[in-house]
Amino acid sequence: MVAEQLLPNGVTDERVLEAMSTIPREEFLSGRLRRYAYENRALAIDCGQTISQPLVVALMTQALRPQPGDIALEIGTGSGYQAAVLSRLCSKVVTLEREPALAEHASETLMRLGFDNVEVAVADGSQGWPASAPYDIILVACAAPDLPAALVEELAPGGRLVIPLGHGEDDYQDLRIYQRHEGELSSRSLFAVRFVPLRTG
């Protein structure tokens, strides 16, 4: 996966490469899907959600430039794999999932594999998680029509936020990286992606 998918496609951050080379991706999938764990494609999981393809996980993570002391917020836990990657690169990860069954399964998997700096919560991701704010990095693993105001409010000075913006899961979305600097929020486009939608409530 690292040699054939990540390195040839612009993933150069050694810490990201190390994390993804050591985390057993198959452990975040059910038995029938484990054989496809290292293929470079998104895979369906329960509750109509997906686990992102490895290259997208790596590029989104790299764009955030995670540091060892960072506190991270993830929106859309899904299988828990992206949270596991972040946990190896940050001091603490809070990950939010609106589907209780997914949150419970991800929490059990992360605990079983020893990712003890990850907190999984059932919540509306569009509202963020004020209890542990502010966050140095925020990764949104579902597409929103607009940048949720609550997430901007929870971003620390110098913080970075990556999110797919667009309407409908049948169309490609614009993956954008935002950074807060001296009270201002700047952004740039990264590449086109296709994520399941961010559902509120």
C-alpha atoms as a PDB file:
ATOM      1  CA  MET A   1       0.000   0.000   0.000  1.00  0.00           C
ATOM      2  CA  VAL A   2       2.705   2.485   0.989  1.00  0.00           C
ATOM      3  CA  ALA A   3       5.072   1.595  -1.858  1.00  0.00           C
ATOM      4  CA  GLU A   4       2.510   1.266  -4.635  1.00  0.00           C
ATOM      5  CA  GLN A   5      -0.194   3.779  -3.698  1.00  0.00           C
ATOM      6  CA  LEU A   6       1.085   6.430  -1.293  1.00  0.00           C
ATOM      7  CA  LEU A   7       4.685   7.174  -2.280  1.00  0.00           C
ATOM      8  CA  PRO A   8       4.031   7.469  -6.053  1.00  0.00           C
ATOM      9  CA  ASN A   9       1.109   9.845  -5.461  1.00  0.00           C
ATOM     10  CA  GLY A  10       2.593  12.625  -3.386  1.00  0.00           C
ATOM     11  CA  VAL A  11       2.566  11.290   0.165  1.00  0.00           C
ATOM     12  CA  THR A  12       5.953  12.351   1.523  1.00  0.00           C
ATOM     13  CA  ASP A  13       5.341  12.938   5.240  1.00  0.00           C
ATOM     14  CA  GLU A  14       7.440  10.278   6.973  1.00  0.00           C
ATOM     15  CA  ARG A  15       5.225  10.222  10.067  1.00  0.00           C
ATOM     16  CA  VAL A  16       2.093   9.642   7.975  1.00  0.00           C
ATOM     17  CA  LEU A  17       3.812   6.881   6.008  1.00  0.00           C
ATOM     18  CA  GLU A  18       5.029   5.235   9.217  1.00  0.00           C
ATOM     19  CA  ALA A  19       1.584   5.349  10.819  1.00  0.00           C
ATOM     20  CA  MET A  20      -0.131   3.865   7.799  1.00  0.00           C
ATOM     21  CA  SER A  21       2.495   1.170   7.367  1.00  0.00           C
ATOM     22  CA  THR A  22       2.007  -0.092  10.931  1.00  0.00           C
ATOM     23  CA  ILE A  23      -1.764   0.185  11.479  1.00  0.00           C
ATOM     24  CA  PRO A  24      -3.583  -3.024  10.466  1.00  0.00           C
ATOM     25  CA  ARG A  25      -6.297  -1.622   8.181  1.00  0.00           C
ATOM     26  CA  GLU A  26      -8.019  -5.011   7.893  1.00  0.00           C
ATOM     27  CA  GLU A  27      -8.921  -4.867  11.601  1.00  0.00           C
ATOM     28  CA  PHE A  28     -11.334  -2.030  10.832  1.00  0.00           C
ATOM     29  CA  LEU A  29     -13.315  -4.104   8.332  1.00  0.00           C
ATOM     30  CA  SER A  30     -15.706  -7.024   8.662  1.00  0.00           C
ATOM     31  CA  GLY A  31     -14.579 -10.503   7.651  1.00  0.00           C
ATOM     32  CA  ARG A  32     -15.843 -10.450   4.071  1.00  0.00           C
ATOM     33  CA  LEU A  33     -14.124  -7.141   3.317  1.00  0.00           C
ATOM     34  CA  ARG A  34     -10.758  -7.796   4.936  1.00  0.00           C
ATOM     35  CA  ARG A  35      -9.283  -9.224   1.741  1.00  0.00           C
ATOM     36  CA  TYR A  36      -9.781  -5.808   0.095  1.00  0.00           C
ATOM     37  CA  ALA A  37      -8.320  -3.765   2.971  1.00  0.00           C
ATOM     38  CA  TYR A  38      -5.240  -2.564   1.117  1.00  0.00           C
ATOM     39  CA  GLU A  39      -6.826  -1.885  -2.259  1.00  0.00           C
ATOM     40  CA  ASN A  40      -6.917   1.786  -3.177  1.00  0.00           C
ATOM     41  CA  ARG A  41     -10.674   2.229  -3.106  1.00  0.00           C
ATOM     42  CA  ALA A  42     -13.365   3.182  -0.664  1.00  0.00           C
ATOM     43  CA  LEU A  43     -15.234   0.256   0.877  1.00  0.00           C
ATOM     44  CA  ALA A  44     -18.796   0.131   2.154  1.00  0.00           C
ATOM     45  CA  ILE A  45     -19.302  -0.449   5.872  1.00  0.00           C
ATOM     46  CA  ASP A  46     -22.482  -0.556   7.961  1.00  0.00           C
ATOM     47  CA  CYS A  47     -25.160   2.179   8.134  1.00  0.00           C
ATOM     48  CA  GLY A  48     -24.566   3.293   4.549  1.00  0.00           C
ATOM     49  CA  GLN A  49     -21.102   4.671   5.348  1.00  0.00           C
ATOM     50  CA  THR A  50     -17.663   3.967   3.896  1.00  0.00           C
ATOM     51  CA  ILE A  51     -14.014   3.606   4.845  1.00  0.00           C
ATOM     52  CA  SER A  52     -12.019   5.989   2.654  1.00  0.00           C
ATOM     53  CA  GLN A  53      -9.382   4.719   0.245  1.00  0.00           C
ATOM     54  CA  PRO A  54      -5.868   4.697   1.696  1.00  0.00           C
ATOM     55  CA  LEU A  55      -4.529   7.437  -0.593  1.00  0.00           C
ATOM     56  CA  VAL A  56      -7.292   9.872   0.410  1.00  0.00           C
ATOM     57  CA  VAL A  57      -6.694   9.109   4.111  1.00  0.00           C
ATOM     58  CA  ALA A  58      -2.983   9.766   3.650  1.00  0.00           C
ATOM     59  CA  LEU A  59      -3.341  12.968   1.632  1.00  0.00           C
ATOM     60  CA  MET A  60      -5.963  14.469   3.947  1.00  0.00           C
ATOM     61  CA  THR A  61      -3.823  13.652   6.966  1.00  0.00           C
ATOM     62  CA  GLN A  62      -0.661  15.011   5.366  1.00  0.00           C
ATOM     63  CA  ALA A  63      -2.426  18.267   4.406  1.00  0.00           C
ATOM     64  CA  LEU A  64      -3.237  18.889   8.084  1.00  0.00           C
ATOM     65  CA  ARG A  65       0.454  18.670   9.089  1.00  0.00           C
ATOM     66  CA  PRO A  66      -0.326  16.947  12.424  1.00  0.00           C
ATOM     67  CA  GLN A  67       2.162  17.555  15.231  1.00  0.00           C
ATOM     68  CA  PRO A  68       2.853  15.324  18.267  1.00  0.00           C
ATOM     69  CA  GLY A  69       1.245  17.761  20.706  1.00  0.00           C
ATOM     70  CA  ASP A  70      -1.863  18.476  18.636  1.00  0.00           C
ATOM     71  CA  ILE A  71      -5.436  17.862  19.737  1.00  0.00           C
ATOM     72  CA  ALA A  72      -7.480  16.593  16.795  1.00  0.00           C
ATOM     73  CA  LEU A  73     -11.193  16.468  16.047  1.00  0.00           C
ATOM     74  CA  GLU A  74     -12.572  14.090  13.426  1.00  0.00           C
ATOM     75  CA  ILE A  75     -16.110  14.323  12.069  1.00  0.00           C
ATOM     76  CA  GLY A  76     -17.402  10.973  10.827  1.00  0.00           C
ATOM     77  CA  THR A  77     -15.759   8.119  12.732  1.00  0.00           C
ATOM     78  CA  GLY A  78     -17.047   5.364  10.479  1.00  0.00           C
ATOM     79  CA  SER A  79     -14.837   2.312  11.010  1.00  0.00           C
ATOM     80  CA  GLY A  80     -12.355   4.210  13.195  1.00  0.00           C
ATOM     81  CA  TYR A  81      -9.421   3.813  10.789  1.00  0.00           C
ATOM     82  CA  GLN A  82      -8.827   7.521  10.160  1.00  0.00           C
ATOM     83  CA  ALA A  83      -8.982   8.176  13.919  1.00  0.00           C
ATOM     84  CA  ALA A  84      -6.349   5.479  14.419  1.00  0.00           C
ATOM     85  CA  VAL A  85      -4.035   7.170  11.923  1.00  0.00           C
ATOM     86  CA  LEU A  86      -4.503  10.545  13.631  1.00  0.00           C
ATOM     87  CA  SER A  87      -3.918   8.986  17.051  1.00  0.00           C
ATOM     88  CA  ARG A  88      -0.387   7.979  16.053  1.00  0.00           C
ATOM     89  CA  LEU A  89       0.372  11.566  15.020  1.00  0.00           C
ATOM     90  CA  CYS A  90      -1.369  13.659  17.711  1.00  0.00           C
ATOM     91  CA  SER A  91      -1.605  13.668  21.502  1.00  0.00           C
ATOM     92  CA  LYS A  92      -5.405  13.271  21.583  1.00  0.00           C
ATOM     93  CA  VAL A  93      -8.167  12.562  19.072  1.00  0.00           C
ATOM     94  CA  VAL A  94     -11.887  13.200  19.550  1.00  0.00           C
ATOM     95  CA  THR A  95     -13.963  11.535  16.837  1.00  0.00           C
ATOM     96  CA  LEU A  96     -17.706  12.045  16.351  1.00  0.00           C
ATOM     97  CA  GLU A  97     -20.168   9.614  14.787  1.00  0.00           C
ATOM     98  CA  ARG A  98     -23.948  10.084  14.551  1.00  0.00           C
ATOM     99  CA  GLU A  99     -24.678   6.347  14.115  1.00  0.00           C
ATOM    100  CA  PRO A 100     -24.496   4.694  17.569  1.00  0.00           C
ATOM    101  CA  ALA A 101     -23.781   1.232  16.135  1.00  0.00           C
ATOM    102  CA  LEU A 102     -20.781   2.513  14.170  1.00  0.00           C
ATOM    103  CA  ALA A 103     -19.491   4.503  17.133  1.00  0.00           C
ATOM    104  CA  GLU A 104     -19.697   1.482  19.420  1.00  0.00           C
ATOM    105  CA  HIS A 105     -17.946  -0.821  16.959  1.00  0.00           C
ATOM    106  CA  ALA A 106     -15.203   1.715  16.209  1.00  0.00           C
ATOM    107  CA  SER A 107     -14.645   2.331  19.915  1.00  0.00           C
ATOM    108  CA  GLU A 108     -14.309  -1.394  20.586  1.00  0.00           C
ATOM    109  CA  THR A 109     -11.859  -1.821  17.697  1.00  0.00           C
ATOM    110  CA  LEU A 110      -9.710   1.136  18.753  1.00  0.00           C
ATOM    111  CA  MET A 111      -9.591  -0.046  22.367  1.00  0.00           C
ATOM    112  CA  ARG A 112      -8.756  -3.611  21.356  1.00  0.00           C
ATOM    113  CA  LEU A 113      -5.855  -2.410  19.223  1.00  0.00           C
ATOM    114  CA  GLY A 114      -4.483  -0.122  21.920  1.00  0.00           C
ATOM    115  CA  PHE A 115      -5.402   3.303  20.533  1.00  0.00           C
ATOM    116  CA  ASP A 116      -6.002   4.697  23.997  1.00  0.00           C
ATOM    117  CA  ASN A 117      -5.762   8.406  23.140  1.00  0.00           C
ATOM    118  CA  VAL A 118      -8.968   8.368  21.080  1.00  0.00           C
ATOM    119  CA  GLU A 119     -12.363   9.432  22.451  1.00  0.00           C
ATOM    120  CA  VAL A 120     -15.378   8.286  20.409  1.00  0.00           C
ATOM    121  CA  ALA A 121     -18.647  10.186  20.906  1.00  0.00           C
ATOM    122  CA  VAL A 122     -22.119   9.921  19.370  1.00  0.00           C
ATOM    123  CA  ALA A 123     -22.947  13.437  18.215  1.00  0.00           C
ATOM    124  CA  ASP A 124     -24.010  15.740  15.395  1.00  0.00           C
ATOM    125  CA  GLY A 125     -20.676  16.465  13.749  1.00  0.00           C
ATOM    126  CA  SER A 126     -21.814  19.786  12.332  1.00  0.00           C
ATOM    127  CA  GLN A 127     -21.874  21.104  15.902  1.00  0.00           C
ATOM    128  CA  GLY A 128     -18.367  19.915  16.720  1.00  0.00           C
ATOM    129  CA  TRP A 129     -17.405  18.978  20.277  1.00  0.00           C
ATOM    130  CA  PRO A 130     -16.944  22.102  22.456  1.00  0.00           C
ATOM    131  CA  ALA A 131     -15.884  20.099  25.527  1.00  0.00           C
ATOM    132  CA  SER A 132     -12.353  19.515  24.211  1.00  0.00           C
ATOM    133  CA  ALA A 133     -12.003  22.635  22.023  1.00  0.00           C
ATOM    134  CA  PRO A 134     -10.017  24.336  20.682  1.00  0.00           C
ATOM    135  CA  TYR A 135      -8.545  21.869  18.197  1.00  0.00           C
ATOM    136  CA  ASP A 136      -5.241  22.164  16.374  1.00  0.00           C
ATOM    137  CA  ILE A 137      -6.550  20.063  13.510  1.00  0.00           C
ATOM    138  CA  ILE A 138     -10.063  19.159  12.376  1.00  0.00           C
ATOM    139  CA  LEU A 139     -10.691  16.491   9.747  1.00  0.00           C
ATOM    140  CA  VAL A 140     -14.178  16.179   8.289  1.00  0.00           C
ATOM    141  CA  ALA A 141     -14.713  12.807   6.606  1.00  0.00           C
ATOM    142  CA  CYS A 142     -18.108  13.632   5.089  1.00  0.00           C
ATOM    143  CA  ALA A 143     -19.232  16.264   2.595  1.00  0.00           C
ATOM    144  CA  ALA A 144     -21.003  19.453   3.650  1.00  0.00           C
ATOM    145  CA  PRO A 145     -22.622  22.111   1.444  1.00  0.00           C
ATOM    146  CA  ASP A 146     -20.863  24.806   3.477  1.00  0.00           C
ATOM    147  CA  LEU A 147     -18.207  25.017   6.184  1.00  0.00           C
ATOM    148  CA  PRO A 148     -20.022  24.542   9.532  1.00  0.00           C
ATOM    149  CA  ALA A 149     -19.671  27.666  11.691  1.00  0.00           C
ATOM    150  CA  ALA A 150     -19.273  25.599  14.868  1.00  0.00           C
ATOM    151  CA  LEU A 151     -16.125  23.955  13.511  1.00  0.00           C
ATOM    152  CA  VAL A 152     -14.586  27.306  12.660  1.00  0.00           C
ATOM    153  CA  GLU A 153     -15.273  28.486  16.221  1.00  0.00           C
ATOM    154  CA  GLU A 154     -13.544  25.396  17.647  1.00  0.00           C
ATOM    155  CA  LEU A 155     -10.381  25.790  15.545  1.00  0.00           C
ATOM    156  CA  ALA A 156      -7.350  26.935  17.541  1.00  0.00           C
ATOM    157  CA  PRO A 157      -5.109  29.822  16.456  1.00  0.00           C
ATOM    158  CA  GLY A 158      -2.847  28.393  13.784  1.00  0.00           C
ATOM    159  CA  GLY A 159      -5.245  25.461  13.445  1.00  0.00           C
ATOM    160  CA  ARG A 160      -5.873  23.546  10.222  1.00  0.00           C
ATOM    161  CA  LEU A 161      -9.177  22.108   8.995  1.00  0.00           C
ATOM    162  CA  VAL A 162      -9.800  19.876   5.982  1.00  0.00           C
ATOM    163  CA  ILE A 163     -13.305  19.281   4.622  1.00  0.00           C
ATOM    164  CA  PRO A 164     -15.003  18.159   1.396  1.00  0.00           C
ATOM    165  CA  LEU A 165     -17.470  20.825   0.232  1.00  0.00           C
ATOM    166  CA  GLY A 166     -20.261  20.108  -2.239  1.00  0.00           C
ATOM    167  CA  HIS A 167     -23.847  18.992  -2.679  1.00  0.00           C
ATOM    168  CA  GLY A 168     -24.897  15.359  -3.015  1.00  0.00           C
ATOM    169  CA  GLU A 169     -22.880  12.158  -2.809  1.00  0.00           C
ATOM    170  CA  ASP A 170     -23.394  11.435  -6.521  1.00  0.00           C
ATOM    171  CA  ASP A 171     -21.225  14.411  -7.474  1.00  0.00           C
ATOM    172  CA  TYR A 172     -17.586  15.098  -6.761  1.00  0.00           C
ATOM    173  CA  GLN A 173     -16.790  17.538  -3.984  1.00  0.00           C
ATOM    174  CA  ASP A 174     -13.977  20.039  -3.527  1.00  0.00           C
ATOM    175  CA  LEU A 175     -11.632  18.989  -0.741  1.00  0.00           C
ATOM    176  CA  ARG A 176     -10.424  22.205   0.910  1.00  0.00           C
ATOM    177  CA  ILE A 177      -7.859  22.995   3.591  1.00  0.00           C
ATOM    178  CA  TYR A 178      -8.466  25.969   5.898  1.00  0.00           C
ATOM    179  CA  GLN A 179      -6.014  27.610   8.294  1.00  0.00           C
ATOM    180  CA  ARG A 180      -6.609  30.148  11.033  1.00  0.00           C
ATOM    181  CA  HIS A 181      -3.867  32.764  11.243  1.00  0.00           C
ATOM    182  CA  GLU A 182      -4.051  35.949  13.315  1.00  0.00           C
ATOM    183  CA  GLY A 183      -7.839  35.779  13.415  1.00  0.00           C
ATOM    184  CA  GLU A 184      -8.218  35.282   9.656  1.00  0.00           C
ATOM    185  CA  LEU A 185      -9.263  32.083   7.885  1.00  0.00           C
ATOM    186  CA  SER A 186      -7.548  31.269   4.596  1.00  0.00           C
ATOM    187  CA  SER A 187      -8.296  28.300   2.356  1.00  0.00           C
ATOM    188  CA  ARG A 188      -7.213  26.526  -0.790  1.00  0.00           C
ATOM    189  CA  SER A 189      -8.484  23.636  -2.856  1.00  0.00           C
ATOM    190  CA  LEU A 190      -6.687  20.285  -2.676  1.00  0.00           C
ATOM    191  CA  PHE A 191      -8.420  17.898  -5.085  1.00  0.00           C
ATOM    192  CA  ALA A 192     -11.793  16.425  -6.011  1.00  0.00           C
ATOM    193  CA  VAL A 193     -13.244  13.701  -3.786  1.00  0.00           C
ATOM    194  CA  ARG A 194     -16.479  11.805  -3.294  1.00  0.00           C
ATOM    195  CA  PHE A 195     -17.649  11.437   0.306  1.00  0.00           C
ATOM    196  CA  VAL A 196     -20.952  10.483   1.898  1.00  0.00           C
ATOM    197  CA  PRO A 197     -22.868  13.590   3.064  1.00  0.00           C
ATOM    198  CA  LEU A 198     -22.597  15.161   6.505  1.00  0.00           C
ATOM    199  CA  ARG A 199     -25.982  14.554   8.133  1.00  0.00           C
ATOM    200  CA  THR A 200     -27.112  16.877  10.868  1.00  0.00           C
ATOM    201  CA  GLY A 201     -29.294  16.158  13.865  1.00  0.00           C
END
